[in-house]
Protein backbone atom coordinates (compact mmCIF):
# COMPACT_ATOMS: atom_id res chain seq x y z
CA GLY A 1 -10.71 5.76 -7.24
CA ARG A 2 -11.53 2.48 -9.16
CA ILE A 3 -8.40 0.80 -9.69
CA HIS A 4 -7.02 1.36 -5.87
CA GLN A 5 -10.53 -0.56 -5.44
CA VAL A 6 -9.48 -3.26 -7.52
CA ALA A 7 -5.68 -3.61 -6.19
CA GLN A 8 -7.55 -4.03 -2.70
CA VAL A 9 -9.65 -6.43 -3.78
CA LEU A 10 -6.74 -8.38 -5.32
CA ALA A 11 -4.28 -8.00 -2.13
CA ARG A 12 -7.25 -9.13 -0.43
CA ALA A 13 -7.68 -12.12 -2.46
CA GLU A 14 -4.11 -12.80 -2.24
CA ALA A 15 -3.55 -12.57 1.53
CA GLY A 16 -6.58 -15.32 1.61
CA TRP A 17 -4.72 -17.70 -0.57
CA GLY A 18 -1.69 -16.93 1.54
CA ASN A 19 0.45 -15.23 -1.17
CA TRP A 20 1.42 -12.64 1.28
CA PRO A 21 4.38 -11.35 -0.84
CA ALA A 22 2.05 -10.54 -3.81
CA ALA A 23 -0.24 -8.87 -1.27
CA LEU A 24 2.73 -6.95 -0.41
CA ASP A 25 3.46 -5.96 -4.02
CA LEU A 26 0.08 -4.75 -4.76
CA LEU A 27 0.31 -2.49 -1.38
CA GLU A 28 3.60 -1.56 -0.46
CA ASP A 29 4.35 2.09 -1.08
CA ALA A 30 0.74 2.97 -2.10
CA ARG A 31 -0.47 5.73 -1.17
CA TRP A 32 -4.47 5.16 -1.07
CA LEU A 33 -4.70 3.31 1.54
CA ASP A 34 -6.52 5.69 3.94
CA ASP A 35 -8.86 6.43 0.81
CA VAL A 36 -10.33 2.81 0.30
CA GLU A 37 -12.45 0.25 2.43
CA GLY A 38 -12.04 2.00 5.36
CA GLY A 39 -7.59 1.75 5.46
CA GLU A 40 -7.73 -2.14 5.15
CA GLY A 41 -5.05 -2.01 3.10
CA HIS A 42 -2.82 -1.12 6.03
CA LEU A 43 -4.14 -3.92 8.07
CA LEU A 44 -3.29 -6.40 4.85
CA LEU A 45 -0.17 -4.42 4.48
CA GLY A 46 0.74 -4.99 8.36
CA GLN A 47 0.45 -8.83 8.16
CA ALA A 48 1.93 -8.86 4.84
CA LEU A 49 5.04 -6.93 6.52
CA GLU A 50 4.73 -9.52 9.57
CA ARG A 51 5.26 -12.39 7.26
CA ALA A 52 8.11 -10.84 5.77
CA GLU A 53 9.26 -10.42 9.19
CA ARG A 54 9.96 -6.58 8.69
CA TRP A 55 8.54 -5.97 12.30
CA ALA A 56 8.88 -2.34 12.69
CA GLU A 57 7.22 -1.67 8.96
CA ALA A 58 4.11 -3.92 10.10
CA ALA A 59 4.17 -2.00 13.28
CA GLU A 60 3.58 1.43 11.60
CA ALA A 61 1.36 -0.30 8.73
CA PHE A 62 -1.03 -1.44 11.87
CA GLU A 63 -0.48 2.32 13.86
CA ALA A 64 -1.59 3.65 10.37
CA TYR A 65 -5.01 1.37 10.10
CA GLN A 66 -6.06 2.18 13.75
CA ARG A 67 -5.08 6.01 12.83
CA VAL A 68 -8.25 6.08 9.73
CA ALA A 69 -10.15 2.71 10.82
CA SER A 70 -13.00 1.61 13.28
CA PRO A 71 -11.10 -1.70 13.93
CA PRO A 72 -13.88 -3.97 15.19
CA PRO A 73 -13.63 -6.04 18.62
CA GLY A 74 -12.00 -9.98 17.95
CA PRO A 75 -9.48 -10.86 15.41
CA VAL A 76 -8.67 -7.31 14.47
CA ALA A 77 -8.03 -6.51 17.78
CA ALA A 78 -5.53 -9.10 18.52
CA ILE A 79 -3.69 -8.71 15.45
CA LEU A 80 -3.20 -4.84 16.61
CA ALA A 81 -2.38 -5.66 20.20
CA ARG A 82 1.08 -7.33 18.57
């Protein structure tokens, strides 16, 4: 719902500022990531997990993003290729 959308926007803002730990706090264990903004939260979560050097969990988040989203070409494709 609305609260999930707000959390998604906050996570995107934290990521934009490079505050990946805060983005991770907002997204980790969230059960709504599939349902908000085309699954973008999975992508942000994967990036936050990478920065925390939690590689296997990052890969799982990226796989979840690919499962629920239609990733555009460009930078997102490069992230997913990792």
